[in-house]
């Protein structure tokens, strides 16, 4: 069995991975996909070449079994982040038939090492109940801030 961590830059694959992740949380209709797909393609087309977005995947025999996305952002420096480089991790998932084999842990470990190598000082993520134990095991800690959100189009 040939397994490896790889970077995904192919837009079709990135769109598929995003759809597959969203489908773990909600059912996507054909109309939803038709509305979302061009937006995803435009996003990946712009941000992948700028290296502000990276997708990591565990491949086994050429098949992606687990993935995670890293969005890189620069903000004004602070005391705990002197260079202002932040990473936001999204889309962490493993396909159901491959869960329990440590693939998400491997992908996340690789992502963390790579983020450090490119001087991303802080990594943020929103943890689901299913993923919280994994993230804590990797060293993520809850912070004192509550997440809040405002939708301008509602």
C-alpha atoms as a PDB file:
ATOM      1  CA  UNK A   1       0.000   0.000   0.000  1.00  0.00           C
ATOM      2  CA  UNK A   2       1.405   3.378  -1.072  1.00  0.00           C
ATOM      3  CA  UNK A   3       0.340   6.219   1.230  1.00  0.00           C
ATOM      4  CA  UNK A   4       1.583   9.788   1.284  1.00  0.00           C
ATOM      5  CA  UNK A   5       0.660  13.335   2.241  1.00  0.00           C
ATOM      6  CA  UNK A   6       0.289  15.572  -0.778  1.00  0.00           C
ATOM      7  CA  UNK A   7      -0.658  19.138  -1.698  1.00  0.00           C
ATOM      8  CA  UNK A   8      -3.765  19.454  -3.831  1.00  0.00           C
ATOM      9  CA  UNK A   9      -3.813  22.314  -6.345  1.00  0.00           C
ATOM     10  CA  UNK A  10      -6.197  20.894  -8.959  1.00  0.00           C
ATOM     11  CA  UNK A  11      -9.358  23.006  -8.879  1.00  0.00           C
ATOM     12  CA  UNK A  12     -11.708  20.126  -9.777  1.00  0.00           C
ATOM     13  CA  UNK A  13     -10.337  18.099  -6.867  1.00  0.00           C
ATOM     14  CA  UNK A  14     -10.555  21.059  -4.487  1.00  0.00           C
ATOM     15  CA  UNK A  15     -14.190  21.673  -5.441  1.00  0.00           C
ATOM     16  CA  UNK A  16     -14.988  17.987  -4.933  1.00  0.00           C
ATOM     17  CA  UNK A  17     -13.281  17.950  -1.522  1.00  0.00           C
ATOM     18  CA  UNK A  18     -15.196  21.054  -0.452  1.00  0.00           C
ATOM     19  CA  UNK A  19     -18.506  19.568  -1.583  1.00  0.00           C
ATOM     20  CA  UNK A  20     -17.708  16.287   0.181  1.00  0.00           C
ATOM     21  CA  UNK A  21     -16.911  18.131   3.415  1.00  0.00           C
ATOM     22  CA  UNK A  22     -20.036  20.304   3.274  1.00  0.00           C
ATOM     23  CA  UNK A  23     -22.063  17.152   2.625  1.00  0.00           C
ATOM     24  CA  UNK A  24     -20.949  15.798   6.018  1.00  0.00           C
ATOM     25  CA  UNK A  25     -22.801  18.722   7.636  1.00  0.00           C
ATOM     26  CA  UNK A  26     -25.756  19.300   5.325  1.00  0.00           C
ATOM     27  CA  UNK A  27     -27.315  17.820   2.226  1.00  0.00           C
ATOM     28  CA  UNK A  28     -26.363  19.703  -0.925  1.00  0.00           C
ATOM     29  CA  UNK A  29     -28.997  19.891  -3.638  1.00  0.00           C
ATOM     30  CA  UNK A  30     -28.110  20.170  -7.312  1.00  0.00           C
ATOM     31  CA  UNK A  31     -29.225  23.813  -7.085  1.00  0.00           C
ATOM     32  CA  UNK A  32     -26.906  24.417  -4.101  1.00  0.00           C
ATOM     33  CA  UNK A  33     -23.975  22.898  -5.979  1.00  0.00           C
ATOM     34  CA  UNK A  34     -24.732  24.916  -9.112  1.00  0.00           C
ATOM     35  CA  UNK A  35     -24.790  28.112  -7.053  1.00  0.00           C
ATOM     36  CA  UNK A  36     -21.646  27.298  -5.050  1.00  0.00           C
ATOM     37  CA  UNK A  37     -19.389  25.716  -7.689  1.00  0.00           C
ATOM     38  CA  UNK A  38     -18.505  28.857  -9.697  1.00  0.00           C
ATOM     39  CA  UNK A  39     -17.756  30.720  -6.460  1.00  0.00           C
ATOM     40  CA  UNK A  40     -15.450  27.934  -5.283  1.00  0.00           C
ATOM     41  CA  UNK A  41     -13.673  27.788  -8.634  1.00  0.00           C
ATOM     42  CA  UNK A  42     -13.089  31.553  -8.576  1.00  0.00           C
ATOM     43  CA  UNK A  43     -11.794  31.408  -5.000  1.00  0.00           C
ATOM     44  CA  UNK A  44      -9.349  28.555  -5.687  1.00  0.00           C
ATOM     45  CA  UNK A  45      -8.239  30.120  -8.986  1.00  0.00           C
ATOM     46  CA  UNK A  46      -7.292  33.314  -7.142  1.00  0.00           C
ATOM     47  CA  UNK A  47      -5.887  32.086  -3.813  1.00  0.00           C
ATOM     48  CA  UNK A  48      -4.033  28.855  -4.642  1.00  0.00           C
ATOM     49  CA  UNK A  49      -1.457  30.579  -6.902  1.00  0.00           C
ATOM     50  CA  UNK A  50      -0.959  33.337  -4.296  1.00  0.00           C
ATOM     51  CA  UNK A  51      -0.157  30.656  -1.706  1.00  0.00           C
ATOM     52  CA  UNK A  52      -2.865  32.058   0.572  1.00  0.00           C
ATOM     53  CA  UNK A  53      -4.673  28.728   0.429  1.00  0.00           C
ATOM     54  CA  UNK A  54      -3.207  25.241   0.702  1.00  0.00           C
ATOM     55  CA  UNK A  55      -4.939  21.876   0.691  1.00  0.00           C
ATOM     56  CA  UNK A  56      -3.306  18.866   2.316  1.00  0.00           C
ATOM     57  CA  UNK A  57      -4.445  15.315   1.648  1.00  0.00           C
ATOM     58  CA  UNK A  58      -3.597  11.762   2.601  1.00  0.00           C
ATOM     59  CA  UNK A  59      -3.518   9.608  -0.489  1.00  0.00           C
ATOM     60  CA  UNK A  60      -3.538   5.839  -0.428  1.00  0.00           C
ATOM     61  CA  UNK A  61      -2.820   4.143  -3.732  1.00  0.00           C
ATOM     62  CA  UNK A  62      -3.665   7.426  -5.493  1.00  0.00           C
ATOM     63  CA  UNK A  63      -7.021   7.894  -3.725  1.00  0.00           C
ATOM     64  CA  UNK A  64      -7.627  10.797  -1.341  1.00  0.00           C
ATOM     65  CA  UNK A  65      -8.874   9.441   1.982  1.00  0.00           C
ATOM     66  CA  UNK A  66      -8.472  12.491   4.238  1.00  0.00           C
ATOM     67  CA  UNK A  67      -7.952  16.223   3.735  1.00  0.00           C
ATOM     68  CA  UNK A  68      -7.586  19.600   5.438  1.00  0.00           C
ATOM     69  CA  UNK A  69      -7.461  23.150   4.084  1.00  0.00           C
ATOM     70  CA  UNK A  70      -5.266  25.985   5.365  1.00  0.00           C
ATOM     71  CA  UNK A  71      -6.109  29.624   4.655  1.00  0.00           C
ATOM     72  CA  UNK A  72      -3.211  32.011   5.296  1.00  0.00           C
ATOM     73  CA  UNK A  73      -3.944  35.572   6.320  1.00  0.00           C
ATOM     74  CA  UNK A  74      -1.868  38.511   7.481  1.00  0.00           C
ATOM     75  CA  UNK A  75      -3.105  40.817  10.217  1.00  0.00           C
ATOM     76  CA  UNK A  76      -1.469  43.545  12.257  1.00  0.00           C
ATOM     77  CA  UNK A  77       1.163  41.973  14.560  1.00  0.00           C
ATOM     78  CA  UNK A  78       0.382  41.362  18.214  1.00  0.00           C
ATOM     79  CA  UNK A  79       2.412  40.242  21.208  1.00  0.00           C
ATOM     80  CA  UNK A  80       1.636  36.560  20.598  1.00  0.00           C
ATOM     81  CA  UNK A  81       2.040  36.856  16.829  1.00  0.00           C
ATOM     82  CA  UNK A  82       4.827  39.273  15.986  1.00  0.00           C
ATOM     83  CA  UNK A  83       4.771  38.623  12.240  1.00  0.00           C
ATOM     84  CA  UNK A  84       0.980  38.795  11.957  1.00  0.00           C
ATOM     85  CA  UNK A  85       0.679  35.578   9.906  1.00  0.00           C
ATOM     86  CA  UNK A  86      -2.410  33.598  10.886  1.00  0.00           C
ATOM     87  CA  UNK A  87      -3.707  30.339   9.521  1.00  0.00           C
ATOM     88  CA  UNK A  88      -7.313  29.215   9.592  1.00  0.00           C
ATOM     89  CA  UNK A  89      -7.887  25.499   9.231  1.00  0.00           C
ATOM     90  CA  UNK A  90     -11.123  24.350   7.621  1.00  0.00           C
ATOM     91  CA  UNK A  91     -12.511  21.328   5.813  1.00  0.00           C
ATOM     92  CA  UNK A  92     -10.794  18.687   7.978  1.00  0.00           C
ATOM     93  CA  UNK A  93     -12.354  15.328   7.222  1.00  0.00           C
ATOM     94  CA  UNK A  94     -11.765  11.693   6.452  1.00  0.00           C
ATOM     95  CA  UNK A  95     -14.087   9.671   4.251  1.00  0.00           C
ATOM     96  CA  UNK A  96     -16.213   7.369   6.465  1.00  0.00           C
ATOM     97  CA  UNK A  97     -14.739   4.106   5.156  1.00  0.00           C
ATOM     98  CA  UNK A  98     -11.229   5.287   6.140  1.00  0.00           C
ATOM     99  CA  UNK A  99     -11.935   6.736   9.597  1.00  0.00           C
ATOM    100  CA  UNK A 100     -10.134   5.433  12.675  1.00  0.00           C
ATOM    101  CA  UNK A 101      -6.803   4.891  10.919  1.00  0.00           C
ATOM    102  CA  UNK A 102      -5.069   8.109  11.988  1.00  0.00           C
ATOM    103  CA  UNK A 103      -5.219   9.725   8.561  1.00  0.00           C
ATOM    104  CA  UNK A 104      -6.646  13.053   9.794  1.00  0.00           C
ATOM    105  CA  UNK A 105      -3.957  13.119  12.491  1.00  0.00           C
ATOM    106  CA  UNK A 106      -1.262  12.607   9.850  1.00  0.00           C
ATOM    107  CA  UNK A 107      -2.694  15.326   7.617  1.00  0.00           C
ATOM    108  CA  UNK A 108      -2.972  17.751  10.541  1.00  0.00           C
ATOM    109  CA  UNK A 109       0.568  17.013  11.754  1.00  0.00           C
ATOM    110  CA  UNK A 110       1.910  17.718   8.270  1.00  0.00           C
ATOM    111  CA  UNK A 111      -0.148  20.916   8.031  1.00  0.00           C
ATOM    112  CA  UNK A 112       1.179  22.135  11.412  1.00  0.00           C
ATOM    113  CA  UNK A 113       4.811  21.481  10.468  1.00  0.00           C
ATOM    114  CA  UNK A 114       4.338  23.150   7.086  1.00  0.00           C
ATOM    115  CA  UNK A 115       2.616  26.177   8.655  1.00  0.00           C
ATOM    116  CA  UNK A 116       5.565  26.604  11.011  1.00  0.00           C
ATOM    117  CA  UNK A 117       8.007  26.342   8.087  1.00  0.00           C
ATOM    118  CA  UNK A 118       6.247  29.190   6.258  1.00  0.00           C
ATOM    119  CA  UNK A 119       6.163  31.325   9.414  1.00  0.00           C
ATOM    120  CA  UNK A 120       2.465  31.064  10.201  1.00  0.00           C
ATOM    121  CA  UNK A 121       2.566  31.810  13.930  1.00  0.00           C
ATOM    122  CA  UNK A 122      -1.048  31.098  14.930  1.00  0.00           C
ATOM    123  CA  UNK A 123      -3.462  28.425  13.703  1.00  0.00           C
ATOM    124  CA  UNK A 124      -7.182  28.788  14.360  1.00  0.00           C
ATOM    125  CA  UNK A 125     -10.025  26.382  13.732  1.00  0.00           C
ATOM    126  CA  UNK A 126     -13.581  25.692  14.765  1.00  0.00           C
ATOM    127  CA  UNK A 127     -13.806  22.234  16.283  1.00  0.00           C
ATOM    128  CA  UNK A 128     -16.798  19.994  15.879  1.00  0.00           C
ATOM    129  CA  UNK A 129     -17.538  17.590  18.704  1.00  0.00           C
ATOM    130  CA  UNK A 130     -16.212  14.786  16.508  1.00  0.00           C
ATOM    131  CA  UNK A 131     -12.888  16.538  15.898  1.00  0.00           C
ATOM    132  CA  UNK A 132     -12.286  18.209  19.252  1.00  0.00           C
ATOM    133  CA  UNK A 133     -10.326  15.308  20.792  1.00  0.00           C
ATOM    134  CA  UNK A 134      -8.031  15.127  17.761  1.00  0.00           C
ATOM    135  CA  UNK A 135      -7.251  18.841  17.918  1.00  0.00           C
ATOM    136  CA  UNK A 136      -6.605  18.761  21.666  1.00  0.00           C
ATOM    137  CA  UNK A 137      -4.251  15.808  21.162  1.00  0.00           C
ATOM    138  CA  UNK A 138      -2.349  17.904  18.588  1.00  0.00           C
ATOM    139  CA  UNK A 139      -1.982  20.780  21.079  1.00  0.00           C
ATOM    140  CA  UNK A 140      -4.860  23.083  20.146  1.00  0.00           C
ATOM    141  CA  UNK A 141      -6.408  24.878  23.116  1.00  0.00           C
ATOM    142  CA  UNK A 142      -9.681  26.652  23.608  1.00  0.00           C
ATOM    143  CA  UNK A 143      -9.281  30.418  23.692  1.00  0.00           C
ATOM    144  CA  UNK A 144     -11.123  32.909  25.833  1.00  0.00           C
ATOM    145  CA  UNK A 145     -13.076  34.421  22.950  1.00  0.00           C
ATOM    146  CA  UNK A 146     -16.539  33.345  21.851  1.00  0.00           C
ATOM    147  CA  UNK A 147     -17.138  33.024  18.155  1.00  0.00           C
ATOM    148  CA  UNK A 148     -19.811  35.360  16.880  1.00  0.00           C
ATOM    149  CA  UNK A 149     -21.013  35.898  13.356  1.00  0.00           C
ATOM    150  CA  UNK A 150     -23.032  38.485  11.479  1.00  0.00           C
ATOM    151  CA  UNK A 151     -24.420  37.848   7.994  1.00  0.00           C
ATOM    152  CA  UNK A 152     -24.692  41.016   5.933  1.00  0.00           C
ATOM    153  CA  UNK A 153     -27.003  39.418   3.364  1.00  0.00           C
ATOM    154  CA  UNK A 154     -29.743  38.369   5.780  1.00  0.00           C
END
